[in-house]
């Protein structure tokens, strides 16, 4: 994941998968998916579902804050072959910190989000 750390809501994280090689060409095309989760939880948030095509081996996301302190999210990349076999890689992590905002900044951000709904 890039960058490896950032601010909740502000930082756009990029994840990419590469190096998945099927046992034979009959198992092509590969499909890719991404998700992320908090440590010590089984539930994950889906970023992208399985989609064929190499351009979907990448994703971007802005994770939300989790509580009142910094938190590490674990990012998963999944690849699925034409036979339906799925491989996962849970090795990417991103450290999310809470932005330090003045009260007026919070009001501006809330107004901005509401305007874009």
N, C-alpha and C. Protein backbone atom coordinates (compact mmCIF):
# COMPACT_ATOMS: atom_id res chain seq x y z
N UNK A 1 0.86 -1.18 0.00
CA UNK A 1 0.00 0.00 0.00
C UNK A 1 0.89 1.23 0.00
N UNK A 2 0.42 2.25 -0.66
CA UNK A 2 1.19 3.47 -0.74
C UNK A 2 0.25 4.66 -0.59
N UNK A 3 0.55 5.55 0.31
CA UNK A 3 1.64 5.53 1.28
C UNK A 3 1.37 4.51 2.38
N UNK A 4 2.33 4.28 3.25
CA UNK A 4 2.17 3.30 4.33
C UNK A 4 1.43 3.90 5.53
N UNK A 5 1.36 5.23 5.59
CA UNK A 5 0.62 5.88 6.68
C UNK A 5 0.03 7.19 6.18
N UNK A 6 -1.01 7.62 6.86
CA UNK A 6 -1.66 8.87 6.47
C UNK A 6 -2.75 9.25 7.44
N UNK A 7 -3.53 10.25 7.06
CA UNK A 7 -4.60 10.78 7.90
C UNK A 7 -5.94 10.23 7.46
N UNK A 8 -6.76 9.88 8.45
CA UNK A 8 -8.11 9.39 8.18
C UNK A 8 -8.86 10.40 7.32
N UNK A 9 -9.57 9.92 6.35
CA UNK A 9 -10.41 10.67 5.42
C UNK A 9 -9.60 11.50 4.42
N UNK A 10 -8.45 12.06 4.81
CA UNK A 10 -7.67 12.92 3.92
C UNK A 10 -6.80 12.15 2.94
N UNK A 11 -6.10 11.13 3.41
CA UNK A 11 -5.10 10.44 2.60
C UNK A 11 -5.74 9.40 1.68
N UNK A 12 -5.37 9.44 0.41
CA UNK A 12 -5.80 8.43 -0.54
C UNK A 12 -4.70 7.37 -0.60
N UNK A 13 -5.07 6.14 -0.26
CA UNK A 13 -4.12 5.03 -0.30
C UNK A 13 -4.31 4.26 -1.60
N UNK A 14 -3.19 3.82 -2.16
CA UNK A 14 -3.22 3.03 -3.40
C UNK A 14 -2.69 1.63 -3.10
N UNK A 15 -3.41 0.64 -3.59
CA UNK A 15 -2.97 -0.75 -3.45
C UNK A 15 -2.93 -1.37 -4.83
N UNK A 16 -2.02 -2.31 -5.00
CA UNK A 16 -1.83 -2.94 -6.31
C UNK A 16 -1.43 -4.39 -6.11
N UNK A 17 -1.91 -5.24 -6.99
CA UNK A 17 -1.52 -6.65 -6.98
C UNK A 17 -0.69 -6.95 -8.20
N UNK A 18 0.32 -7.78 -8.01
CA UNK A 18 1.11 -8.26 -9.14
C UNK A 18 1.76 -9.57 -8.73
N UNK A 19 2.22 -10.30 -9.70
CA UNK A 19 2.94 -11.53 -9.40
C UNK A 19 2.08 -12.78 -9.32
N UNK A 20 0.77 -12.64 -9.45
CA UNK A 20 -0.09 -13.83 -9.44
C UNK A 20 0.08 -14.55 -10.79
N UNK A 21 0.48 -15.82 -10.75
CA UNK A 21 0.69 -16.58 -11.97
C UNK A 21 -0.08 -17.90 -11.86
N UNK A 22 -1.05 -18.13 -12.74
CA UNK A 22 -1.80 -19.39 -12.68
C UNK A 22 -0.94 -20.56 -13.14
N UNK A 23 -1.36 -21.77 -12.76
CA UNK A 23 -0.62 -22.98 -13.13
C UNK A 23 -0.64 -23.24 -14.63
N UNK A 24 -1.67 -22.76 -15.31
CA UNK A 24 -1.73 -22.94 -16.77
C UNK A 24 -2.52 -21.79 -17.38
N UNK A 25 -2.35 -21.61 -18.69
CA UNK A 25 -3.07 -20.54 -19.39
C UNK A 25 -4.57 -20.80 -19.42
N UNK A 26 -4.99 -22.05 -19.22
CA UNK A 26 -6.42 -22.38 -19.18
C UNK A 26 -7.12 -21.71 -18.00
N UNK A 27 -6.36 -21.27 -17.00
CA UNK A 27 -6.94 -20.65 -15.80
C UNK A 27 -7.04 -19.14 -15.92
N UNK A 28 -6.64 -18.61 -17.07
CA UNK A 28 -6.77 -17.17 -17.33
C UNK A 28 -8.17 -16.85 -17.86
N UNK A 29 -8.70 -15.68 -17.70
CA UNK A 29 -8.05 -14.52 -17.08
C UNK A 29 -8.20 -14.57 -15.56
N UNK A 30 -7.28 -13.90 -14.89
CA UNK A 30 -7.40 -13.73 -13.45
C UNK A 30 -8.35 -12.58 -13.17
N UNK A 31 -9.02 -12.67 -12.02
CA UNK A 31 -9.88 -11.59 -11.55
C UNK A 31 -9.30 -11.11 -10.22
N UNK A 32 -9.48 -9.82 -9.94
CA UNK A 32 -8.86 -9.23 -8.77
C UNK A 32 -9.91 -8.58 -7.86
N UNK A 33 -9.62 -8.57 -6.56
CA UNK A 33 -10.50 -7.93 -5.58
C UNK A 33 -9.63 -7.38 -4.44
N UNK A 34 -10.15 -6.37 -3.75
CA UNK A 34 -9.47 -5.77 -2.60
C UNK A 34 -10.45 -5.57 -1.46
N UNK A 35 -9.94 -5.63 -0.24
CA UNK A 35 -10.72 -5.34 0.96
C UNK A 35 -9.75 -4.87 2.04
N UNK A 36 -10.29 -4.35 3.14
CA UNK A 36 -9.45 -4.02 4.29
C UNK A 36 -10.24 -4.30 5.55
N UNK A 37 -9.51 -4.49 6.65
CA UNK A 37 -10.15 -4.79 7.93
C UNK A 37 -9.29 -4.28 9.07
N UNK A 38 -9.90 -4.18 10.23
CA UNK A 38 -9.16 -3.85 11.44
C UNK A 38 -8.48 -5.10 11.96
N UNK A 39 -7.37 -4.96 12.67
CA UNK A 39 -6.74 -6.14 13.28
C UNK A 39 -7.71 -6.80 14.26
N UNK A 40 -7.57 -8.07 14.44
CA UNK A 40 -8.37 -8.85 15.40
C UNK A 40 -9.86 -8.88 15.06
N UNK A 41 -10.22 -8.65 13.80
CA UNK A 41 -11.61 -8.79 13.37
C UNK A 41 -11.63 -9.65 12.12
N UNK A 42 -12.73 -10.35 11.93
CA UNK A 42 -12.88 -11.18 10.74
C UNK A 42 -13.59 -10.42 9.63
N UNK A 43 -14.39 -9.43 10.00
CA UNK A 43 -15.16 -8.68 9.02
C UNK A 43 -14.25 -7.72 8.26
N UNK A 44 -14.45 -7.68 6.95
CA UNK A 44 -13.66 -6.75 6.14
C UNK A 44 -14.59 -5.87 5.31
N UNK A 45 -14.07 -4.74 4.91
CA UNK A 45 -14.78 -3.81 4.04
C UNK A 45 -14.30 -4.03 2.62
N UNK A 46 -15.21 -4.35 1.72
CA UNK A 46 -14.85 -4.61 0.33
C UNK A 46 -14.58 -3.30 -0.38
N UNK A 47 -13.42 -3.22 -1.03
CA UNK A 47 -13.10 -2.06 -1.86
C UNK A 47 -13.53 -2.31 -3.28
N UNK A 48 -13.17 -3.48 -3.82
CA UNK A 48 -13.59 -3.88 -5.16
C UNK A 48 -13.88 -5.37 -5.13
N UNK A 49 -14.90 -5.78 -5.87
CA UNK A 49 -15.21 -7.19 -5.97
C UNK A 49 -14.42 -7.78 -7.13
N UNK A 50 -14.47 -9.09 -7.30
CA UNK A 50 -13.70 -9.73 -8.38
C UNK A 50 -14.10 -9.18 -9.73
N UNK A 51 -13.10 -8.69 -10.46
CA UNK A 51 -13.30 -8.11 -11.77
C UNK A 51 -12.15 -8.54 -12.67
N UNK A 52 -12.47 -9.07 -13.87
CA UNK A 52 -11.39 -9.45 -14.77
C UNK A 52 -10.77 -8.20 -15.41
N UNK A 53 -9.56 -8.29 -15.77
CA UNK A 53 -8.81 -7.25 -16.48
C UNK A 53 -7.72 -6.70 -15.58
N UNK A 54 -6.58 -6.50 -16.18
CA UNK A 54 -5.41 -6.07 -15.44
C UNK A 54 -5.59 -4.69 -14.79
N UNK A 55 -6.40 -3.81 -15.40
CA UNK A 55 -6.56 -2.48 -14.80
C UNK A 55 -7.25 -2.54 -13.45
N UNK A 56 -7.91 -3.66 -13.14
CA UNK A 56 -8.57 -3.81 -11.84
C UNK A 56 -7.66 -4.47 -10.82
N UNK A 57 -6.37 -4.61 -11.13
CA UNK A 57 -5.42 -5.12 -10.15
C UNK A 57 -4.93 -4.00 -9.26
N UNK A 58 -5.56 -2.81 -9.36
CA UNK A 58 -5.21 -1.65 -8.56
C UNK A 58 -6.49 -1.05 -7.97
N UNK A 59 -6.36 -0.42 -6.82
CA UNK A 59 -7.50 0.25 -6.20
C UNK A 59 -6.99 1.40 -5.34
N UNK A 60 -7.87 2.36 -5.07
CA UNK A 60 -7.57 3.45 -4.15
C UNK A 60 -8.68 3.51 -3.11
N UNK A 61 -8.35 4.00 -1.92
CA UNK A 61 -9.37 4.14 -0.88
C UNK A 61 -8.93 5.15 0.15
N UNK A 62 -9.93 5.68 0.88
CA UNK A 62 -9.71 6.59 2.00
C UNK A 62 -10.36 5.97 3.22
N UNK A 63 -9.59 5.31 4.07
CA UNK A 63 -10.19 4.66 5.23
C UNK A 63 -10.71 5.66 6.24
N UNK A 64 -11.80 5.31 6.91
CA UNK A 64 -12.36 6.19 7.94
C UNK A 64 -11.57 6.06 9.23
N UNK A 65 -11.76 7.00 10.15
CA UNK A 65 -11.13 6.85 11.46
C UNK A 65 -11.79 5.69 12.21
N UNK A 66 -11.06 5.10 13.12
CA UNK A 66 -11.59 4.01 13.94
C UNK A 66 -11.30 4.34 15.39
N UNK A 67 -12.24 4.97 16.05
CA UNK A 67 -12.03 5.35 17.44
C UNK A 67 -11.34 6.69 17.56
N UNK A 68 -10.66 6.87 18.68
CA UNK A 68 -10.05 8.16 19.00
C UNK A 68 -8.54 8.17 18.91
N UNK A 69 -7.97 7.16 18.26
CA UNK A 69 -6.51 7.11 18.18
C UNK A 69 -6.09 6.55 16.83
N UNK A 70 -4.80 6.44 16.64
CA UNK A 70 -4.29 5.86 15.41
C UNK A 70 -4.62 4.37 15.37
N UNK A 71 -4.76 3.84 14.17
CA UNK A 71 -5.11 2.43 13.99
C UNK A 71 -4.44 1.91 12.72
N UNK A 72 -4.11 0.65 12.73
CA UNK A 72 -3.55 0.02 11.54
C UNK A 72 -4.65 -0.80 10.88
N UNK A 73 -4.88 -0.55 9.60
CA UNK A 73 -5.78 -1.38 8.81
C UNK A 73 -4.95 -2.40 8.05
N UNK A 74 -5.47 -3.60 7.91
CA UNK A 74 -4.82 -4.64 7.13
C UNK A 74 -5.55 -4.71 5.79
N UNK A 75 -4.79 -4.65 4.71
CA UNK A 75 -5.36 -4.66 3.36
C UNK A 75 -5.16 -6.04 2.74
N UNK A 76 -6.21 -6.56 2.11
CA UNK A 76 -6.11 -7.86 1.45
C UNK A 76 -6.24 -7.69 -0.06
N UNK A 77 -5.39 -8.39 -0.78
CA UNK A 77 -5.54 -8.50 -2.22
C UNK A 77 -5.92 -9.94 -2.53
N UNK A 78 -6.90 -10.13 -3.39
CA UNK A 78 -7.33 -11.47 -3.77
C UNK A 78 -7.23 -11.61 -5.28
N UNK A 79 -6.84 -12.80 -5.72
CA UNK A 79 -6.83 -13.12 -7.14
C UNK A 79 -7.60 -14.43 -7.31
N UNK A 80 -8.46 -14.48 -8.33
CA UNK A 80 -9.26 -15.68 -8.59
C UNK A 80 -9.02 -16.10 -10.03
N UNK A 81 -8.78 -17.41 -10.22
CA UNK A 81 -8.56 -17.91 -11.59
C UNK A 81 -9.87 -18.38 -12.20
N UNK A 82 -9.83 -18.78 -13.47
CA UNK A 82 -11.03 -19.17 -14.22
C UNK A 82 -11.72 -20.40 -13.63
N UNK A 83 -11.01 -21.21 -12.84
CA UNK A 83 -11.61 -22.38 -12.20
C UNK A 83 -12.26 -22.01 -10.87
N UNK A 84 -12.10 -20.76 -10.43
CA UNK A 84 -12.71 -20.31 -9.18
C UNK A 84 -11.81 -20.40 -7.96
N UNK A 85 -10.57 -20.84 -8.12
CA UNK A 85 -9.64 -20.90 -6.99
C UNK A 85 -9.21 -19.48 -6.62
N UNK A 86 -9.17 -19.20 -5.31
CA UNK A 86 -8.84 -17.86 -4.83
C UNK A 86 -7.58 -17.91 -3.98
N UNK A 87 -6.68 -16.98 -4.22
CA UNK A 87 -5.49 -16.80 -3.39
C UNK A 87 -5.58 -15.42 -2.74
N UNK A 88 -5.10 -15.31 -1.50
CA UNK A 88 -5.16 -14.05 -0.77
C UNK A 88 -3.79 -13.65 -0.26
N UNK A 89 -3.59 -12.35 -0.16
CA UNK A 89 -2.38 -11.80 0.44
C UNK A 89 -2.81 -10.71 1.41
N UNK A 90 -2.63 -10.95 2.73
CA UNK A 90 -3.02 -10.02 3.78
C UNK A 90 -1.81 -9.24 4.30
N UNK A 91 -0.75 -9.11 3.53
CA UNK A 91 0.48 -8.56 4.08
C UNK A 91 0.55 -7.03 4.11
N UNK A 92 -0.26 -6.35 3.33
CA UNK A 92 -0.18 -4.88 3.30
C UNK A 92 -0.90 -4.28 4.50
N UNK A 93 -0.30 -3.25 5.08
CA UNK A 93 -0.90 -2.54 6.20
C UNK A 93 -0.77 -1.05 5.99
N UNK A 94 -1.76 -0.31 6.49
CA UNK A 94 -1.68 1.15 6.47
C UNK A 94 -1.99 1.67 7.86
N UNK A 95 -1.21 2.64 8.30
CA UNK A 95 -1.40 3.26 9.61
C UNK A 95 -2.18 4.55 9.41
N UNK A 96 -3.32 4.63 10.08
CA UNK A 96 -4.21 5.79 9.95
C UNK A 96 -4.16 6.59 11.25
N UNK A 97 -3.88 7.88 11.13
CA UNK A 97 -3.90 8.78 12.27
C UNK A 97 -5.06 9.75 12.10
N UNK A 98 -5.52 10.26 13.21
CA UNK A 98 -6.59 11.26 13.16
C UNK A 98 -6.00 12.63 12.86
N UNK A 99 -6.61 13.37 11.94
CA UNK A 99 -6.11 14.72 11.68
C UNK A 99 -6.36 15.62 12.88
N UNK A 100 -5.44 16.52 13.14
CA UNK A 100 -5.60 17.50 14.21
C UNK A 100 -6.28 18.72 13.61
N UNK A 101 -7.55 18.92 13.98
CA UNK A 101 -8.34 19.98 13.36
C UNK A 101 -8.86 20.97 14.40
N UNK A 102 -8.88 22.21 14.02
CA UNK A 102 -9.56 23.23 14.82
C UNK A 102 -11.06 23.07 14.61
N UNK A 103 -11.86 23.58 15.52
CA UNK A 103 -13.32 23.45 15.42
C UNK A 103 -13.84 24.01 14.10
N UNK A 104 -13.28 25.12 13.63
CA UNK A 104 -13.74 25.71 12.36
C UNK A 104 -13.41 24.79 11.18
N UNK A 105 -12.28 24.08 11.25
CA UNK A 105 -11.93 23.13 10.19
C UNK A 105 -12.92 21.99 10.13
N UNK A 106 -13.34 21.50 11.30
CA UNK A 106 -14.32 20.41 11.35
C UNK A 106 -15.62 20.87 10.70
N UNK A 107 -16.07 22.07 11.02
CA UNK A 107 -17.31 22.58 10.43
C UNK A 107 -17.19 22.71 8.92
N UNK A 108 -16.05 23.18 8.43
CA UNK A 108 -15.83 23.30 6.99
C UNK A 108 -15.85 21.94 6.31
N UNK A 109 -15.24 20.94 6.93
CA UNK A 109 -15.20 19.61 6.35
C UNK A 109 -16.59 18.98 6.33
N UNK A 110 -17.35 19.15 7.40
CA UNK A 110 -18.72 18.62 7.44
C UNK A 110 -19.54 19.28 6.35
N UNK A 111 -19.43 20.58 6.18
CA UNK A 111 -20.17 21.29 5.14
C UNK A 111 -19.77 20.80 3.76
N UNK A 112 -18.49 20.55 3.55
CA UNK A 112 -18.00 20.04 2.27
C UNK A 112 -18.56 18.67 1.96
N UNK A 113 -18.55 17.77 2.95
CA UNK A 113 -19.09 16.43 2.75
C UNK A 113 -20.58 16.49 2.46
N UNK A 114 -21.31 17.32 3.22
CA UNK A 114 -22.76 17.43 3.01
C UNK A 114 -23.07 17.99 1.62
N UNK A 115 -22.26 18.89 1.15
CA UNK A 115 -22.49 19.49 -0.18
C UNK A 115 -22.28 18.47 -1.29
N UNK A 116 -21.46 17.45 -1.03
CA UNK A 116 -21.15 16.44 -2.04
C UNK A 116 -22.03 15.20 -1.95
N UNK A 117 -23.01 15.20 -1.06
CA UNK A 117 -23.92 14.05 -0.93
C UNK A 117 -24.94 14.03 -2.04
